[in-house]
Amino acid sequence: MSLEGELAEAREKVERCARDFGLDFSRVIFELLDWNEINVIASYGGFPSRYPHWRFGMEFEQMSKSYRYGLQKIYEMVINNDPCYAYLLRSNNMIDQKMVMAHVFGHADFFRNNVYFAQTNRKMIDEMGNHRAKIQRYVNRFGFDPVESFVDRCLSIENLIDIHHPMKGVRRHERRKSLLKGEITDELRKPAEPEQAFKVERDVLLFLIENAPLEPWERDVLSILREEACYFAPQGQTKILNEGWAAFWHSRIMTTKILNDSEVIDYASHHAATVSPSPGKLNPYKIGMELLRDIERRFGTEKIFTVRRVHNDLTFLDEFLTEDFCQEQKMFTYGFNQANGTYEIVDRDHKKVKEKLLASLTNLGSPIIQVSDGNYASRGELALKHLHEGVDIRLDWMKEVMKNLFGLWRHPVHLETLVEGVPKLFSFEGEECKEQRLT
């Protein structure tokens, strides 16, 4: 339902203030939901509907229990779409609603202007509905269990995409579709580049879509899941900067334009809860907001708009995380002390802090895997290589993923990696995962 009365008036005032500060965003549609409805939406990743799969029900149960026991409360969700859709929790008080609206307008500005979102699908709500309808048709035709089992396999490797070039597969497929339909444009008339016998491929999912011996419906489902993974990738790449940008602007809008005297204390309490440090992990709202404030103090307001436009988390922190900032924010690295069985501070040196932080953000914190050979040993087998840049592979997870890759490739699968600095080759040929040391 659309906003009415006091909420509608508050929304108009907050939006006007956001635009006065220079924020530039597409139309934002706010929906007012109760806690059960907002948990359903949250379990679908912020979308009103998704394809049928058990993981969404599991996430709904987890969120519902967290809310019921007071462990978690969803204040806002906003979808990168045009128009943007955002959700407000009906039980929130007016101060929270105004703060959430200001926060949402910050996100909407970021989605529209940050370069990493430039190629994302701005009609993803409709596309998600199409994905649901397609997969439901496959369920009706082939049965629920085969489709769910295949989706499970695909989801186990959904992070094996090239997050730096998410649209390259889309362009390849668009060319093929157009050729099949006879839609030959000047661009398509150009001869294709001669392909080598094999090129190393960073996007494992794309390689499987184009080369694995899949049924047509399986190839379509894998393409759907890859498209969704590519859509969500920029949000993972910009979590700190995006949340920091939204928190920076909700703070400024609320404290300079919106709050009246009677609301200040409640707002301060709720804002502090949003940006307070979290035990054992980095709060992206806090670090992003404070670093943007530091940049504004040093370089001026125009600079933070440039930062918002051209940076992701890695480049943002690499360029602007200074020694003074680390000391001011009391940042440190920590580790587990085997002797006393507790976690403790290891180092406060800002270079070590930055190094550890950047390592945790590289490739969204996932191991970098690429296809090194699609015809390994000239037997049609799949060879993968782990580019070890500080992120180890969990061997138990790796063995399950290789089993699922075997189910997609339908030939033996091999992975070269490092285990405690020792180069090893793991192979799955249909029964169990074997390993051998490489010399």
Protein backbone atom coordinates (compact mmCIF):
# COMPACT_ATOMS: atom_id res chain seq x y z
CA MET A 1 0.00 0.00 0.00
CA SER A 2 1.21 3.55 -0.68
CA LEU A 3 2.03 5.98 2.11
CA GLU A 4 -0.70 8.24 3.45
CA GLY A 5 -1.16 11.05 5.93
CA GLU A 6 1.77 11.89 8.20
CA LEU A 7 4.03 9.31 6.55
CA ALA A 8 3.37 10.75 3.08
CA GLU A 9 4.13 14.25 4.34
CA ALA A 10 7.35 13.06 5.99
CA ARG A 11 8.41 11.29 2.82
CA GLU A 12 7.90 14.45 0.72
CA LYS A 13 9.94 16.55 3.16
CA VAL A 14 12.80 14.03 3.42
CA GLU A 15 12.97 13.60 -0.35
CA ARG A 16 13.02 17.36 -0.89
CA CYS A 17 15.89 17.72 1.59
CA ALA A 18 17.82 14.86 -0.03
CA ARG A 19 17.57 16.51 -3.45
CA ASP A 20 18.53 19.89 -1.97
CA PHE A 21 21.78 18.29 -0.77
CA GLY A 22 22.52 17.15 -4.33
CA LEU A 23 21.40 13.52 -4.21
CA ASP A 24 20.19 12.30 -7.59
CA PHE A 25 17.94 9.26 -7.70
CA SER A 26 15.16 7.60 -9.64
CA ARG A 27 11.60 7.57 -8.30
CA VAL A 28 11.35 5.68 -5.01
CA ILE A 29 8.18 3.74 -4.16
CA PHE A 30 7.76 3.00 -0.44
CA GLU A 31 5.65 0.06 0.72
CA LEU A 32 4.43 -0.25 4.33
CA LEU A 33 4.60 -3.85 5.63
CA ASP A 34 4.09 -5.67 8.92
CA TRP A 35 6.91 -7.75 10.41
CA ASN A 36 5.77 -11.02 8.84
CA GLU A 37 5.48 -9.48 5.36
CA ILE A 38 8.85 -7.79 5.61
CA ASN A 39 10.47 -11.06 6.68
CA VAL A 40 9.02 -12.75 3.58
CA ILE A 41 10.44 -10.00 1.37
CA ALA A 42 13.81 -10.13 3.17
CA SER A 43 14.03 -13.91 2.72
CA TYR A 44 13.67 -13.33 -1.04
CA GLY A 45 16.60 -10.88 -1.01
CA GLY A 46 14.29 -7.86 -1.03
CA PHE A 47 12.14 -8.98 -3.96
CA PRO A 48 8.41 -9.72 -3.87
CA SER A 49 8.89 -13.14 -5.49
CA ARG A 50 11.67 -15.59 -6.38
CA TYR A 51 11.93 -19.02 -7.94
CA PRO A 52 10.74 -21.94 -5.79
CA HIS A 53 13.51 -23.28 -3.56
CA TRP A 54 13.85 -24.48 0.02
CA ARG A 55 16.57 -21.94 0.96
CA PHE A 56 14.07 -19.06 0.92
CA GLY A 57 11.87 -20.85 3.44
CA MET A 58 14.91 -21.56 5.62
CA GLU A 59 15.91 -17.88 5.55
CA PHE A 60 12.34 -16.84 6.41
CA GLU A 61 12.34 -19.12 9.45
CA GLN A 62 15.67 -17.77 10.62
CA MET A 63 14.59 -14.14 10.22
CA SER A 64 11.24 -14.73 11.88
CA LYS A 65 12.85 -16.34 14.93
CA SER A 66 15.46 -13.59 15.18
CA TYR A 67 12.72 -10.95 15.14
CA ARG A 68 10.50 -12.89 17.57
CA TYR A 69 13.32 -13.27 20.12
CA GLY A 70 14.53 -9.70 19.73
CA LEU A 71 17.84 -10.65 18.11
CA GLN A 72 17.27 -8.82 14.84
CA LYS A 73 14.97 -6.15 13.47
CA ILE A 74 14.73 -5.11 9.83
CA TYR A 75 14.46 -1.34 9.53
CA GLU A 76 14.84 -0.87 5.78
CA MET A 77 15.23 -2.64 2.47
CA VAL A 78 15.65 -1.02 -0.90
CA ILE A 79 15.93 -2.65 -4.34
CA ASN A 80 18.25 -1.50 -7.12
CA ASN A 81 15.52 -1.02 -9.70
CA ASP A 82 13.90 1.81 -11.69
CA PRO A 83 11.76 2.82 -9.95
CA CYS A 84 13.46 1.84 -6.68
CA TYR A 85 11.24 -0.07 -4.27
CA ALA A 86 11.76 0.32 -0.54
CA TYR A 87 9.97 -1.21 2.44
CA LEU A 88 9.06 0.34 5.78
CA LEU A 89 8.16 -1.64 8.88
CA ARG A 90 4.68 -0.62 9.99
CA SER A 91 5.49 -0.90 13.71
CA ASN A 92 8.40 1.57 13.56
CA ASN A 93 7.82 4.95 15.15
CA MET A 94 7.88 8.15 13.09
CA ILE A 95 11.51 8.98 13.91
CA ASP A 96 12.61 5.58 12.61
CA GLN A 97 10.49 5.96 9.49
CA LYS A 98 12.03 9.33 8.64
CA MET A 99 15.55 8.04 9.29
CA VAL A 100 14.91 5.00 7.08
CA MET A 101 13.53 7.18 4.28
CA ALA A 102 16.64 9.37 4.36
CA HIS A 103 18.81 6.25 4.37
CA VAL A 104 16.89 4.82 1.40
CA PHE A 105 17.34 7.96 -0.67
CA GLY A 106 21.09 7.65 -0.05
CA HIS A 107 21.04 4.09 -1.41
CA ALA A 108 18.89 5.12 -4.38
CA ASP A 109 21.40 7.83 -5.27
CA PHE A 110 24.26 5.34 -4.97
CA PHE A 111 22.55 2.75 -7.20
CA ARG A 112 21.92 5.34 -9.89
CA ASN A 113 25.38 6.93 -9.91
CA ASN A 114 28.00 4.40 -8.86
CA VAL A 115 29.88 2.99 -11.86
CA TYR A 116 29.71 -0.60 -10.58
CA PHE A 117 25.92 -0.54 -10.89
CA ALA A 118 25.93 1.02 -14.37
CA GLN A 119 25.35 -2.28 -16.18
CA THR A 120 22.86 -3.81 -13.74
CA ASN A 121 19.32 -4.63 -14.81
CA ARG A 122 17.08 -1.75 -13.69
CA LYS A 123 13.95 -3.88 -14.25
CA MET A 124 15.06 -6.70 -12.00
CA ILE A 125 11.73 -6.97 -10.18
CA ASP A 126 10.10 -7.95 -13.48
CA GLU A 127 13.05 -10.20 -14.35
CA MET A 128 12.81 -12.03 -11.02
CA GLY A 129 9.14 -12.67 -11.76
CA ASN A 130 10.10 -14.07 -15.16
CA HIS A 131 12.70 -16.32 -13.54
CA ARG A 132 10.12 -17.64 -11.11
CA ALA A 133 7.67 -18.40 -13.92
CA LYS A 134 10.33 -20.17 -16.01
CA ILE A 135 11.58 -22.39 -13.22
CA GLN A 136 8.02 -23.18 -12.13
CA ARG A 137 7.28 -24.33 -15.69
CA TYR A 138 10.29 -26.64 -15.54
CA VAL A 139 9.05 -27.97 -12.19
CA ASN A 140 5.64 -28.67 -13.71
CA ARG A 141 7.20 -30.40 -16.71
CA PHE A 142 10.11 -32.37 -15.22
CA GLY A 143 9.10 -32.68 -11.55
CA PHE A 144 10.07 -30.79 -8.42
CA ASP A 145 12.90 -33.06 -7.21
CA PRO A 146 15.02 -33.04 -10.43
CA VAL A 147 14.72 -29.27 -10.76
CA GLU A 148 15.43 -28.60 -7.09
CA SER A 149 18.42 -30.95 -7.16
CA PHE A 150 19.83 -29.15 -10.19
CA VAL A 151 19.27 -25.72 -8.58
CA ASP A 152 21.10 -26.99 -5.47
CA ARG A 153 24.12 -27.89 -7.60
CA CYS A 154 24.10 -24.51 -9.30
CA LEU A 155 23.77 -22.58 -6.04
CA SER A 156 26.83 -24.33 -4.62
CA ILE A 157 28.94 -22.61 -7.31
CA GLU A 158 27.04 -19.32 -7.69
CA ASN A 159 30.06 -17.36 -6.44
CA LEU A 160 32.25 -18.69 -9.29
CA ILE A 161 31.63 -15.72 -11.56
CA ASP A 162 33.93 -12.95 -12.72
CA ILE A 163 32.69 -10.08 -10.56
CA HIS A 164 34.73 -7.57 -12.57
CA HIS A 165 33.08 -8.37 -15.89
CA PRO A 166 29.55 -9.54 -15.07
CA MET A 167 28.03 -8.38 -18.35
CA LYS A 168 30.39 -10.09 -20.79
CA GLY A 169 28.30 -13.25 -20.86
CA VAL A 170 25.14 -11.22 -21.48
CA ARG A 171 26.71 -9.63 -24.54
CA ARG A 172 27.83 -13.01 -25.88
CA HIS A 173 24.37 -14.50 -25.48
CA GLU A 174 22.66 -11.47 -26.98
CA ARG A 175 24.80 -11.88 -30.09
CA ARG A 176 23.83 -15.55 -30.39
CA LYS A 177 20.12 -14.83 -29.83
CA SER A 178 20.15 -12.14 -32.50
CA LEU A 179 21.90 -14.40 -34.99
CA LEU A 180 19.36 -17.14 -34.37
CA LYS A 181 16.50 -14.72 -34.91
CA GLY A 182 18.07 -13.31 -38.06
CA GLU A 183 18.43 -9.86 -36.49
CA ILE A 184 21.74 -9.00 -38.16
CA THR A 185 22.94 -5.49 -37.26
CA ASP A 186 26.10 -3.76 -38.48
CA GLU A 187 27.77 -4.76 -35.23
CA LEU A 188 26.85 -8.40 -35.74
CA ARG A 189 28.05 -8.37 -39.35
CA LYS A 190 31.60 -7.85 -38.09
CA PRO A 191 33.55 -11.10 -38.15
CA ALA A 192 33.97 -12.66 -34.76
CA GLU A 193 37.46 -12.69 -33.29
CA PRO A 194 39.23 -15.96 -34.02
CA GLU A 195 38.98 -18.16 -30.95
CA GLN A 196 41.99 -20.00 -29.63
CA ALA A 197 41.76 -23.69 -28.80
CA PHE A 198 41.18 -22.58 -25.21
CA LYS A 199 41.28 -19.35 -23.25
CA VAL A 200 41.57 -19.26 -19.47
CA GLU A 201 38.09 -18.35 -18.17
CA ARG A 202 37.60 -16.59 -14.84
CA ASP A 203 33.80 -16.94 -15.04
CA VAL A 204 33.27 -20.62 -14.30
CA LEU A 205 29.48 -20.38 -14.54
CA LEU A 206 29.65 -18.76 -17.95
CA PHE A 207 32.08 -21.46 -19.14
CA LEU A 208 29.67 -24.18 -18.00
CA ILE A 209 26.70 -22.46 -19.67
CA GLU A 210 28.56 -22.37 -22.96
CA ASN A 211 30.35 -25.73 -22.83
CA ALA A 212 28.83 -28.21 -20.36
CA PRO A 213 26.68 -31.06 -21.81
CA LEU A 214 23.46 -29.76 -20.26
CA GLU A 215 19.84 -30.23 -21.25
CA PRO A 216 18.26 -27.02 -22.63
CA TRP A 217 16.23 -26.46 -19.46
CA GLU A 218 19.32 -27.00 -17.31
CA ARG A 219 21.31 -24.49 -19.34
CA ASP A 220 18.46 -22.00 -18.95
CA VAL A 221 18.29 -22.49 -15.17
CA LEU A 222 22.05 -22.09 -14.83
CA SER A 223 21.86 -18.90 -16.93
CA ILE A 224 19.10 -17.58 -14.65
CA LEU A 225 21.13 -18.21 -11.49
CA ARG A 226 24.24 -16.67 -13.03
CA GLU A 227 22.27 -13.58 -14.05
CA GLU A 228 21.04 -13.16 -10.47
CA ALA A 229 24.54 -13.69 -9.06
CA CYS A 230 25.89 -10.99 -11.40
CA TYR A 231 23.07 -8.64 -10.39
CA PHE A 232 23.91 -8.98 -6.68
CA ALA A 233 27.72 -8.84 -7.16
CA PRO A 234 28.02 -4.99 -7.17
CA GLN A 235 26.19 -4.88 -3.84
CA GLY A 236 28.87 -7.17 -2.39
CA GLN A 237 31.62 -5.09 -3.98
CA THR A 238 30.32 -1.82 -2.48
CA LYS A 239 28.81 -2.88 0.86
CA ILE A 240 30.96 -0.55 3.00
CA LEU A 241 30.81 2.45 0.66
CA ASN A 242 27.10 2.01 -0.13
CA GLU A 243 25.99 1.63 3.49
CA GLY A 244 28.40 4.35 4.57
CA TRP A 245 26.98 6.71 1.92
CA ALA A 246 23.41 6.04 3.05
CA ALA A 247 24.32 6.46 6.75
CA PHE A 248 26.28 9.66 5.99
CA TRP A 249 23.25 11.23 4.32
CA HIS A 250 20.59 10.01 6.73
CA SER A 251 22.69 11.53 9.50
CA ARG A 252 23.08 14.87 7.74
CA ILE A 253 19.48 15.10 6.54
CA MET A 254 18.03 14.21 9.93
CA THR A 255 20.27 16.42 12.06
CA THR A 256 20.17 19.53 9.86
CA LYS A 257 16.71 19.52 8.28
CA ILE A 258 14.25 17.04 9.76
CA LEU A 259 14.49 16.60 13.53
CA ASN A 260 12.66 18.78 15.99
CA ASP A 261 13.87 19.25 19.55
CA SER A 262 11.67 16.51 21.01
CA GLU A 263 13.06 13.89 18.59
CA VAL A 264 16.79 14.42 19.04
CA ILE A 265 17.43 11.95 21.87
CA ASP A 266 15.41 9.11 20.31
CA TYR A 267 17.10 9.68 16.97
CA ALA A 268 20.57 9.72 18.56
CA SER A 269 19.83 6.40 20.26
CA HIS A 270 18.59 4.74 17.07
CA HIS A 271 21.40 6.15 14.93
CA ALA A 272 23.99 4.99 17.45
CA ALA A 273 22.53 1.48 17.32
CA THR A 274 22.92 1.50 13.53
CA VAL A 275 26.56 2.58 13.46
CA SER A 276 27.83 1.02 16.69
CA PRO A 277 30.71 -1.47 16.36
CA SER A 278 29.71 -5.13 16.19
CA PRO A 279 31.64 -7.70 18.27
CA GLY A 280 33.96 -9.71 16.06
CA LYS A 281 33.14 -8.01 12.77
CA LEU A 282 33.31 -4.72 10.92
CA ASN A 283 30.21 -2.53 10.86
CA PRO A 284 29.99 -1.27 7.24
CA TYR A 285 27.68 1.62 8.23
CA LYS A 286 30.21 2.89 10.76
CA ILE A 287 33.47 2.56 8.82
CA GLY A 288 31.94 3.82 5.56
CA MET A 289 30.27 6.84 7.15
CA GLU A 290 33.29 7.89 9.20
CA LEU A 291 35.66 7.53 6.25
CA LEU A 292 33.38 9.67 4.07
CA ARG A 293 33.31 12.30 6.81
CA ASP A 294 37.11 12.19 6.95
CA ILE A 295 37.33 12.62 3.16
CA GLU A 296 34.91 15.57 3.29
CA ARG A 297 36.99 17.25 6.02
CA ARG A 298 40.19 16.79 4.01
CA PHE A 299 39.01 17.46 0.45
CA GLY A 300 35.52 19.02 0.54
CA THR A 301 31.99 17.88 -0.23
CA GLU A 302 32.50 17.64 -4.00
CA LYS A 303 35.13 14.94 -3.39
CA ILE A 304 32.75 12.55 -1.66
CA PHE A 305 30.39 12.70 -4.65
CA THR A 306 33.33 11.70 -6.87
CA VAL A 307 34.18 8.87 -4.47
CA ARG A 308 30.56 7.69 -4.58
CA ARG A 309 30.69 7.62 -8.37
CA VAL A 310 33.97 5.82 -9.12
CA HIS A 311 34.94 3.61 -6.17
CA ASN A 312 34.13 0.19 -4.78
CA ASP A 313 35.09 -1.00 -1.29
CA LEU A 314 38.57 -2.17 -2.28
CA THR A 315 39.60 1.04 -4.02
CA PHE A 316 37.80 3.19 -1.44
CA LEU A 317 39.71 1.72 1.50
CA ASP A 318 42.98 1.34 -0.38
CA GLU A 319 43.08 5.02 -1.30
CA PHE A 320 41.59 6.71 1.76
CA LEU A 321 42.25 4.49 4.82
CA THR A 322 45.07 6.51 6.39
CA GLU A 323 47.16 5.92 9.48
CA ASP A 324 45.49 8.86 11.27
CA PHE A 325 42.05 7.44 10.50
CA CYS A 326 42.97 3.97 11.80
CA GLN A 327 44.29 5.48 15.03
CA GLU A 328 41.24 7.70 15.45
CA GLN A 329 38.87 4.75 14.93
CA LYS A 330 41.04 2.45 17.12
CA MET A 331 41.29 -0.17 14.39
CA PHE A 332 43.37 -3.33 14.88
CA THR A 333 43.79 -6.91 13.68
CA TYR A 334 43.02 -9.79 16.00
CA GLY A 335 43.66 -13.52 16.14
CA PHE A 336 43.04 -16.61 18.25
CA ASN A 337 45.57 -17.36 20.98
CA GLN A 338 45.89 -21.12 21.24
CA ALA A 339 47.64 -20.85 24.60
CA ASN A 340 44.78 -19.26 26.50
CA GLY A 341 41.91 -20.09 24.14
CA THR A 342 40.81 -16.49 23.53
CA TYR A 343 40.81 -13.94 20.73
CA GLU A 344 43.16 -11.02 21.29
CA ILE A 345 44.61 -7.98 19.54
CA VAL A 346 47.49 -8.93 17.24
CA ASP A 347 48.53 -5.64 15.65
CA ARG A 348 47.50 -1.95 15.53
CA ASP A 349 49.81 -1.02 12.65
CA HIS A 350 47.62 0.62 10.02
CA LYS A 351 49.43 -1.13 7.14
CA LYS A 352 48.62 -4.51 8.67
CA VAL A 353 45.04 -3.40 9.32
CA LYS A 354 44.61 -2.25 5.73
CA GLU A 355 46.27 -5.38 4.33
CA LYS A 356 43.97 -7.68 6.30
CA LEU A 357 40.89 -5.65 5.45
CA LEU A 358 41.65 -5.55 1.72
CA ALA A 359 42.40 -9.29 1.69
CA SER A 360 39.00 -10.01 3.25
CA LEU A 361 37.27 -7.96 0.53
CA THR A 362 39.14 -9.31 -2.51
CA ASN A 363 36.74 -11.29 -4.72
CA LEU A 364 34.04 -10.74 -2.04
CA GLY A 365 36.12 -12.84 0.34
CA SER A 366 35.79 -15.97 -1.81
CA PRO A 367 38.67 -17.99 -3.30
CA ILE A 368 39.51 -17.00 -6.89
CA ILE A 369 38.87 -20.01 -9.13
CA GLN A 370 39.31 -20.09 -12.89
CA VAL A 371 38.97 -22.68 -15.64
CA SER A 372 42.49 -23.52 -16.82
CA ASP A 373 41.60 -26.28 -19.30
CA GLY A 374 38.32 -27.48 -20.76
CA ASN A 375 39.90 -30.57 -22.28
CA TYR A 376 42.31 -31.69 -19.59
CA ALA A 377 44.58 -34.58 -20.62
CA SER A 378 42.75 -34.53 -24.00
CA ARG A 379 39.90 -36.46 -22.40
CA GLY A 380 37.24 -33.74 -22.13
CA GLU A 381 37.89 -33.32 -18.41
CA LEU A 382 37.58 -30.00 -16.58
CA ALA A 383 40.65 -28.46 -14.94
CA LEU A 384 40.34 -25.58 -12.48
CA LYS A 385 43.03 -23.55 -10.75
CA HIS A 386 42.83 -21.70 -7.45
CA LEU A 387 44.66 -18.37 -7.71
CA HIS A 388 45.86 -18.21 -4.13
CA GLU A 389 45.79 -14.55 -3.10
CA GLY A 390 45.44 -15.02 0.64
CA VAL A 391 42.12 -16.88 0.77
CA ASP A 392 42.40 -20.61 1.49
CA ILE A 393 39.89 -23.18 0.31
CA ARG A 394 37.92 -25.10 2.89
CA LEU A 395 38.62 -28.66 1.89
CA ASP A 396 35.26 -30.05 3.05
CA TRP A 397 33.37 -27.44 1.02
CA MET A 398 35.70 -27.89 -1.94
CA LYS A 399 35.02 -31.63 -2.14
CA GLU A 400 31.25 -31.09 -2.18
CA VAL A 401 31.58 -28.38 -4.83
CA MET A 402 33.72 -30.65 -7.02
CA LYS A 403 31.07 -33.35 -6.72
CA ASN A 404 28.46 -30.86 -7.93
CA LEU A 405 30.72 -29.67 -10.74
CA PHE A 406 31.09 -33.28 -11.84
CA GLY A 407 27.30 -33.49 -11.95
CA LEU A 408 27.23 -30.50 -14.31
CA TRP A 409 30.29 -31.30 -16.45
CA ARG A 410 29.60 -35.09 -16.46
CA HIS A 411 33.31 -35.83 -16.79
CA PRO A 412 36.10 -35.84 -14.19
CA VAL A 413 36.92 -32.49 -12.56
CA HIS A 414 40.35 -31.43 -11.27
CA LEU A 415 41.40 -28.52 -9.06
CA GLU A 416 44.93 -27.26 -8.46
CA THR A 417 45.42 -25.39 -5.18
CA LEU A 418 47.74 -24.86 -2.23
CA VAL A 419 47.25 -26.64 1.09
CA GLU A 420 49.45 -25.15 3.83
CA GLY A 421 51.76 -23.89 1.10
CA VAL A 422 52.02 -27.27 -0.63
CA PRO A 423 50.74 -27.44 -4.25
CA LYS A 424 48.16 -30.20 -4.64
CA LEU A 425 45.79 -31.52 -7.28
CA PHE A 426 42.34 -32.70 -6.24
CA SER A 427 40.34 -34.88 -8.63
CA PHE A 428 36.74 -36.08 -8.58
CA GLU A 429 35.92 -38.83 -11.05
CA GLY A 430 32.53 -39.96 -9.80
CA GLU A 431 32.99 -41.63 -6.43
CA GLU A 432 35.33 -39.78 -4.11
CA CYS A 433 37.72 -36.85 -4.17
CA LYS A 434 41.36 -37.89 -4.51
CA GLU A 435 44.39 -35.73 -3.92
CA GLN A 436 47.98 -35.83 -5.02
CA ARG A 437 50.98 -33.64 -4.35
CA LEU A 438 52.31 -31.67 -7.30
CA THR A 439 56.02 -31.32 -7.82
